[in-house]
Amino acid sequence: MSSVKVSSSDHIQGQENAPVILIEYGDYQCPYCGQAYYIVKNLQKKLGDQLQFVFRNYPLQDLHPHALHAALAAETAGLEGKFWEMHDIIFENQRRLDDPSLAAYAKKIGLDEAKFEKDFGSKPTINKVQADVFSGDIAKVDQTPSFFVNGKLFEGDWTTNEFLEFLEAHI
């Protein structure tokens, strides 16, 4: 099993020197990722500076027709420094991920509408999503969400306290 490391191209929340690094490969349209979004938010509150969180796009296009465009919207927002705002609003409105809804979310979080429209699906956004998927493929990601803790795949139950206890054991 390969080890997953944080890179300079990642979207990161938390302290650089946190003892626990949690990387999620996720799909914005996946209902399990929608559930995981709230669990991760809780973990971030509980663990504070002890946790660094990284989100990587892994749209399962065969199952979720809007997942790729949602990932591209998040990356487009990232070009203006608002990746996390778009990430959050997409997960909080997961049932509405058509292109007009994504454009409305961009406006709601204060993105320049013309710039968003121009940059949506641009080479940098496509390349970033493809790089995330490629790194997931190398790491043998086979479902979303997939979590890696300090580089190693977490194979336990992320929906229970087992996840928090596992993370706390690495502090």
C-alpha atoms as a PDB file:
ATOM      1  CA  MET A   1       0.000   0.000   0.000  1.00  0.00           C
ATOM      2  CA  SER A   2       1.398   3.357  -0.960  1.00  0.00           C
ATOM      3  CA  SER A   3       1.689   6.239   1.443  1.00  0.00           C
ATOM      4  CA  VAL A   4      -0.183   9.473   0.730  1.00  0.00           C
ATOM      5  CA  LYS A   5       1.633  12.733   1.427  1.00  0.00           C
ATOM      6  CA  VAL A   6       0.463  16.343   1.493  1.00  0.00           C
ATOM      7  CA  SER A   7       1.766  18.487  -1.359  1.00  0.00           C
ATOM      8  CA  SER A   8       1.943  22.213  -2.051  1.00  0.00           C
ATOM      9  CA  SER A   9      -0.968  21.893  -4.492  1.00  0.00           C
ATOM     10  CA  ASP A  10      -3.330  20.571  -1.793  1.00  0.00           C
ATOM     11  CA  HIS A  11      -6.118  22.505  -0.116  1.00  0.00           C
ATOM     12  CA  ILE A  12      -5.222  22.423   3.572  1.00  0.00           C
ATOM     13  CA  GLN A  13      -6.992  23.444   6.772  1.00  0.00           C
ATOM     14  CA  GLY A  14      -5.158  23.385  10.072  1.00  0.00           C
ATOM     15  CA  GLN A  15      -1.640  23.748  11.357  1.00  0.00           C
ATOM     16  CA  GLU A  16       1.285  22.698   9.195  1.00  0.00           C
ATOM     17  CA  ASN A  17       2.899  20.880  12.128  1.00  0.00           C
ATOM     18  CA  ALA A  18      -0.250  19.125  13.367  1.00  0.00           C
ATOM     19  CA  PRO A  19       0.470  15.589  14.617  1.00  0.00           C
ATOM     20  CA  VAL A  20      -2.520  14.175  12.732  1.00  0.00           C
ATOM     21  CA  ILE A  21      -2.895  14.684   8.993  1.00  0.00           C
ATOM     22  CA  LEU A  22      -6.256  13.601   7.611  1.00  0.00           C
ATOM     23  CA  ILE A  23      -6.603  13.399   3.836  1.00  0.00           C
ATOM     24  CA  GLU A  24     -10.011  12.734   2.336  1.00  0.00           C
ATOM     25  CA  TYR A  25     -10.646  11.651  -1.224  1.00  0.00           C
ATOM     26  CA  GLY A  26     -14.201  12.771  -1.799  1.00  0.00           C
ATOM     27  CA  ASP A  27     -16.969  13.214  -4.326  1.00  0.00           C
ATOM     28  CA  TYR A  28     -19.260  16.224  -3.858  1.00  0.00           C
ATOM     29  CA  GLN A  29     -22.345  14.309  -4.995  1.00  0.00           C
ATOM     30  CA  CYS A  30     -21.680  11.158  -2.946  1.00  0.00           C
ATOM     31  CA  PRO A  31     -24.181  10.878  -0.073  1.00  0.00           C
ATOM     32  CA  TYR A  32     -21.553   9.219   2.133  1.00  0.00           C
ATOM     33  CA  CYS A  33     -19.192  12.138   1.508  1.00  0.00           C
ATOM     34  CA  GLY A  34     -22.038  14.444   2.466  1.00  0.00           C
ATOM     35  CA  GLN A  35     -22.276  12.589   5.773  1.00  0.00           C
ATOM     36  CA  ALA A  36     -18.478  12.645   6.150  1.00  0.00           C
ATOM     37  CA  TYR A  37     -18.441  16.442   5.642  1.00  0.00           C
ATOM     38  CA  TYR A  38     -20.246  16.962   8.950  1.00  0.00           C
ATOM     39  CA  ILE A  39     -18.169  14.310  10.722  1.00  0.00           C
ATOM     40  CA  VAL A  40     -14.926  15.973   9.608  1.00  0.00           C
ATOM     41  CA  LYS A  41     -16.214  19.391  10.731  1.00  0.00           C
ATOM     42  CA  ASN A  42     -16.866  17.841  14.156  1.00  0.00           C
ATOM     43  CA  LEU A  43     -13.409  16.270  14.263  1.00  0.00           C
ATOM     44  CA  GLN A  44     -11.865  19.629  13.406  1.00  0.00           C
ATOM     45  CA  LYS A  45     -13.706  21.242  16.328  1.00  0.00           C
ATOM     46  CA  LYS A  46     -12.736  18.484  18.747  1.00  0.00           C
ATOM     47  CA  LEU A  47      -9.093  18.146  17.714  1.00  0.00           C
ATOM     48  CA  GLY A  48      -8.367  21.801  16.886  1.00  0.00           C
ATOM     49  CA  ASP A  49      -4.685  22.468  16.177  1.00  0.00           C
ATOM     50  CA  GLN A  50      -3.901  18.766  16.504  1.00  0.00           C
ATOM     51  CA  LEU A  51      -5.524  18.053  13.120  1.00  0.00           C
ATOM     52  CA  GLN A  52      -4.591  19.101   9.607  1.00  0.00           C
ATOM     53  CA  PHE A  53      -7.275  18.346   7.011  1.00  0.00           C
ATOM     54  CA  VAL A  54      -6.776  17.983   3.259  1.00  0.00           C
ATOM     55  CA  PHE A  55      -9.557  17.444   0.731  1.00  0.00           C
ATOM     56  CA  ARG A  56      -8.845  15.883  -2.650  1.00  0.00           C
ATOM     57  CA  ASN A  57     -11.326  15.546  -5.487  1.00  0.00           C
ATOM     58  CA  TYR A  58     -12.305  12.048  -6.495  1.00  0.00           C
ATOM     59  CA  PRO A  59     -15.484  12.438  -8.568  1.00  0.00           C
ATOM     60  CA  LEU A  60     -17.123   9.122  -9.386  1.00  0.00           C
ATOM     61  CA  GLN A  61     -18.600  10.271 -12.665  1.00  0.00           C
ATOM     62  CA  ASP A  62     -20.284   6.966 -13.504  1.00  0.00           C
ATOM     63  CA  LEU A  63     -22.362   7.181 -10.322  1.00  0.00           C
ATOM     64  CA  HIS A  64     -22.664  10.938  -9.840  1.00  0.00           C
ATOM     65  CA  PRO A  65     -23.204  13.008 -13.001  1.00  0.00           C
ATOM     66  CA  HIS A  66     -22.687  16.381 -11.242  1.00  0.00           C
ATOM     67  CA  ALA A  67     -19.592  15.392  -9.248  1.00  0.00           C
ATOM     68  CA  LEU A  68     -17.025  16.527 -11.810  1.00  0.00           C
ATOM     69  CA  HIS A  69     -18.595  19.961 -12.303  1.00  0.00           C
ATOM     70  CA  ALA A  70     -18.876  20.391  -8.535  1.00  0.00           C
ATOM     71  CA  ALA A  71     -15.156  19.585  -8.199  1.00  0.00           C
ATOM     72  CA  LEU A  72     -14.348  22.030 -11.002  1.00  0.00           C
ATOM     73  CA  ALA A  73     -16.461  24.708  -9.282  1.00  0.00           C
ATOM     74  CA  ALA A  74     -14.530  24.198  -6.029  1.00  0.00           C
ATOM     75  CA  GLU A  75     -11.214  24.411  -7.868  1.00  0.00           C
ATOM     76  CA  THR A  76     -12.396  27.491  -9.763  1.00  0.00           C
ATOM     77  CA  ALA A  77     -13.249  29.126  -6.440  1.00  0.00           C
ATOM     78  CA  GLY A  78      -9.790  28.094  -5.266  1.00  0.00           C
ATOM     79  CA  LEU A  79      -8.255  30.276  -7.983  1.00  0.00           C
ATOM     80  CA  GLU A  80      -9.743  33.235  -6.081  1.00  0.00           C
ATOM     81  CA  GLY A  81      -8.734  31.881  -2.660  1.00  0.00           C
ATOM     82  CA  LYS A  82     -12.198  30.592  -1.806  1.00  0.00           C
ATOM     83  CA  PHE A  83     -11.871  26.836  -2.195  1.00  0.00           C
ATOM     84  CA  TRP A  84     -13.082  26.052   1.324  1.00  0.00           C
ATOM     85  CA  GLU A  85     -16.070  28.387   1.066  1.00  0.00           C
ATOM     86  CA  MET A  86     -17.163  26.645  -2.140  1.00  0.00           C
ATOM     87  CA  HIS A  87     -16.360  23.193  -0.712  1.00  0.00           C
ATOM     88  CA  ASP A  88     -18.623  23.928   2.249  1.00  0.00           C
ATOM     89  CA  ILE A  89     -21.524  25.447   0.327  1.00  0.00           C
ATOM     90  CA  ILE A  90     -21.500  22.556  -2.153  1.00  0.00           C
ATOM     91  CA  PHE A  91     -21.685  19.947   0.610  1.00  0.00           C
ATOM     92  CA  GLU A  92     -24.322  21.951   2.464  1.00  0.00           C
ATOM     93  CA  ASN A  93     -26.445  22.039  -0.716  1.00  0.00           C
ATOM     94  CA  GLN A  94     -25.529  18.628  -2.053  1.00  0.00           C
ATOM     95  CA  ARG A  95     -28.912  17.945  -3.641  1.00  0.00           C
ATOM     96  CA  ARG A  96     -28.554  20.911  -6.026  1.00  0.00           C
ATOM     97  CA  LEU A  97     -25.341  20.604  -8.016  1.00  0.00           C
ATOM     98  CA  ASP A  98     -26.426  21.517 -11.527  1.00  0.00           C
ATOM     99  CA  ASP A  99     -24.392  24.239 -13.254  1.00  0.00           C
ATOM    100  CA  PRO A 100     -26.830  27.114 -12.513  1.00  0.00           C
ATOM    101  CA  SER A 101     -26.759  26.174  -8.808  1.00  0.00           C
ATOM    102  CA  LEU A 102     -22.943  26.068  -8.801  1.00  0.00           C
ATOM    103  CA  ALA A 103     -22.871  29.531 -10.402  1.00  0.00           C
ATOM    104  CA  ALA A 104     -25.323  30.772  -7.758  1.00  0.00           C
ATOM    105  CA  TYR A 105     -23.081  29.392  -4.984  1.00  0.00           C
ATOM    106  CA  ALA A 106     -20.110  31.180  -6.544  1.00  0.00           C
ATOM    107  CA  LYS A 107     -22.042  34.449  -6.427  1.00  0.00           C
ATOM    108  CA  LYS A 108     -23.209  33.773  -2.873  1.00  0.00           C
ATOM    109  CA  ILE A 109     -19.637  33.321  -1.584  1.00  0.00           C
ATOM    110  CA  GLY A 110     -18.549  36.539  -3.293  1.00  0.00           C
ATOM    111  CA  LEU A 111     -16.743  35.313  -6.378  1.00  0.00           C
ATOM    112  CA  ASP A 112     -16.493  37.492  -9.451  1.00  0.00           C
ATOM    113  CA  GLU A 113     -19.220  36.031 -11.679  1.00  0.00           C
ATOM    114  CA  ALA A 114     -17.503  36.748 -14.991  1.00  0.00           C
ATOM    115  CA  LYS A 115     -14.183  35.368 -13.734  1.00  0.00           C
ATOM    116  CA  PHE A 116     -15.897  32.261 -12.355  1.00  0.00           C
ATOM    117  CA  GLU A 117     -17.621  31.649 -15.676  1.00  0.00           C
ATOM    118  CA  LYS A 118     -14.358  32.188 -17.606  1.00  0.00           C
ATOM    119  CA  ASP A 119     -12.252  29.988 -15.285  1.00  0.00           C
ATOM    120  CA  PHE A 120     -14.808  27.192 -14.808  1.00  0.00           C
ATOM    121  CA  GLY A 121     -13.414  24.137 -16.584  1.00  0.00           C
ATOM    122  CA  SER A 122     -10.165  25.930 -17.458  1.00  0.00           C
ATOM    123  CA  LYS A 123      -6.943  23.989 -17.851  1.00  0.00           C
ATOM    124  CA  PRO A 124      -5.701  24.705 -14.278  1.00  0.00           C
ATOM    125  CA  THR A 125      -8.962  23.493 -12.720  1.00  0.00           C
ATOM    126  CA  ILE A 126      -9.134  20.386 -14.891  1.00  0.00           C
ATOM    127  CA  ASN A 127      -5.469  19.618 -14.216  1.00  0.00           C
ATOM    128  CA  LYS A 128      -5.992  19.920 -10.450  1.00  0.00           C
ATOM    129  CA  VAL A 129      -8.970  17.554 -10.429  1.00  0.00           C
ATOM    130  CA  GLN A 130      -7.101  15.104 -12.663  1.00  0.00           C
ATOM    131  CA  ALA A 131      -4.029  15.263 -10.391  1.00  0.00           C
ATOM    132  CA  ASP A 132      -6.207  14.528  -7.343  1.00  0.00           C
ATOM    133  CA  VAL A 133      -7.838  11.559  -9.093  1.00  0.00           C
ATOM    134  CA  PHE A 134      -4.468  10.275 -10.279  1.00  0.00           C
ATOM    135  CA  SER A 135      -3.024  10.448  -6.750  1.00  0.00           C
ATOM    136  CA  GLY A 136      -6.101   8.584  -5.505  1.00  0.00           C
ATOM    137  CA  ASP A 137      -5.661   5.925  -8.159  1.00  0.00           C
ATOM    138  CA  ILE A 138      -2.023   5.466  -7.135  1.00  0.00           C
ATOM    139  CA  ALA A 139      -3.146   5.164  -3.489  1.00  0.00           C
ATOM    140  CA  LYS A 140      -5.680   2.500  -4.557  1.00  0.00           C
ATOM    141  CA  VAL A 141      -8.740   4.571  -3.612  1.00  0.00           C
ATOM    142  CA  ASP A 142     -11.772   2.481  -4.537  1.00  0.00           C
ATOM    143  CA  GLN A 143     -14.611   4.349  -2.833  1.00  0.00           C
ATOM    144  CA  THR A 144     -15.599   7.715  -1.487  1.00  0.00           C
ATOM    145  CA  PRO A 145     -14.963   8.908   1.013  1.00  0.00           C
ATOM    146  CA  SER A 146     -11.542   7.359   1.527  1.00  0.00           C
ATOM    147  CA  PHE A 147      -9.539   8.669   4.450  1.00  0.00           C
ATOM    148  CA  PHE A 148      -5.801   8.546   4.975  1.00  0.00           C
ATOM    149  CA  VAL A 149      -4.387   9.264   8.422  1.00  0.00           C
ATOM    150  CA  ASN A 150      -0.727  10.259   8.466  1.00  0.00           C
ATOM    151  CA  GLY A 151      -0.352   8.737   5.042  1.00  0.00           C
ATOM    152  CA  LYS A 152      -2.034   5.387   5.667  1.00  0.00           C
ATOM    153  CA  LEU A 153      -5.520   4.301   4.618  1.00  0.00           C
ATOM    154  CA  PHE A 154      -7.982   4.291   7.524  1.00  0.00           C
ATOM    155  CA  GLU A 155      -9.876   1.022   7.213  1.00  0.00           C
ATOM    156  CA  GLY A 156     -12.131   1.354  10.255  1.00  0.00           C
ATOM    157  CA  ASP A 157     -15.606   2.832  10.614  1.00  0.00           C
ATOM    158  CA  TRP A 158     -15.445   6.589  10.044  1.00  0.00           C
ATOM    159  CA  THR A 159     -19.125   6.981  11.053  1.00  0.00           C
ATOM    160  CA  THR A 160     -18.530   6.066  14.699  1.00  0.00           C
ATOM    161  CA  ASN A 161     -16.351   7.147  17.633  1.00  0.00           C
ATOM    162  CA  GLU A 162     -13.800   4.624  16.369  1.00  0.00           C
ATOM    163  CA  PHE A 163     -12.608   7.313  13.931  1.00  0.00           C
ATOM    164  CA  LEU A 164     -12.103   9.974  16.612  1.00  0.00           C
ATOM    165  CA  GLU A 165     -10.390   7.468  18.911  1.00  0.00           C
ATOM    166  CA  PHE A 166      -8.084   6.392  16.087  1.00  0.00           C
ATOM    167  CA  LEU A 167      -7.139  10.017  15.356  1.00  0.00           C
ATOM    168  CA  GLU A 168      -6.628  10.786  19.055  1.00  0.00           C
ATOM    169  CA  ALA A 169      -4.299   7.796  19.328  1.00  0.00           C
ATOM    170  CA  HIS A 170      -1.974   9.544  16.848  1.00  0.00           C
ATOM    171  CA  ILE A 171      -1.654  12.746  18.884  1.00  0.00           C
END
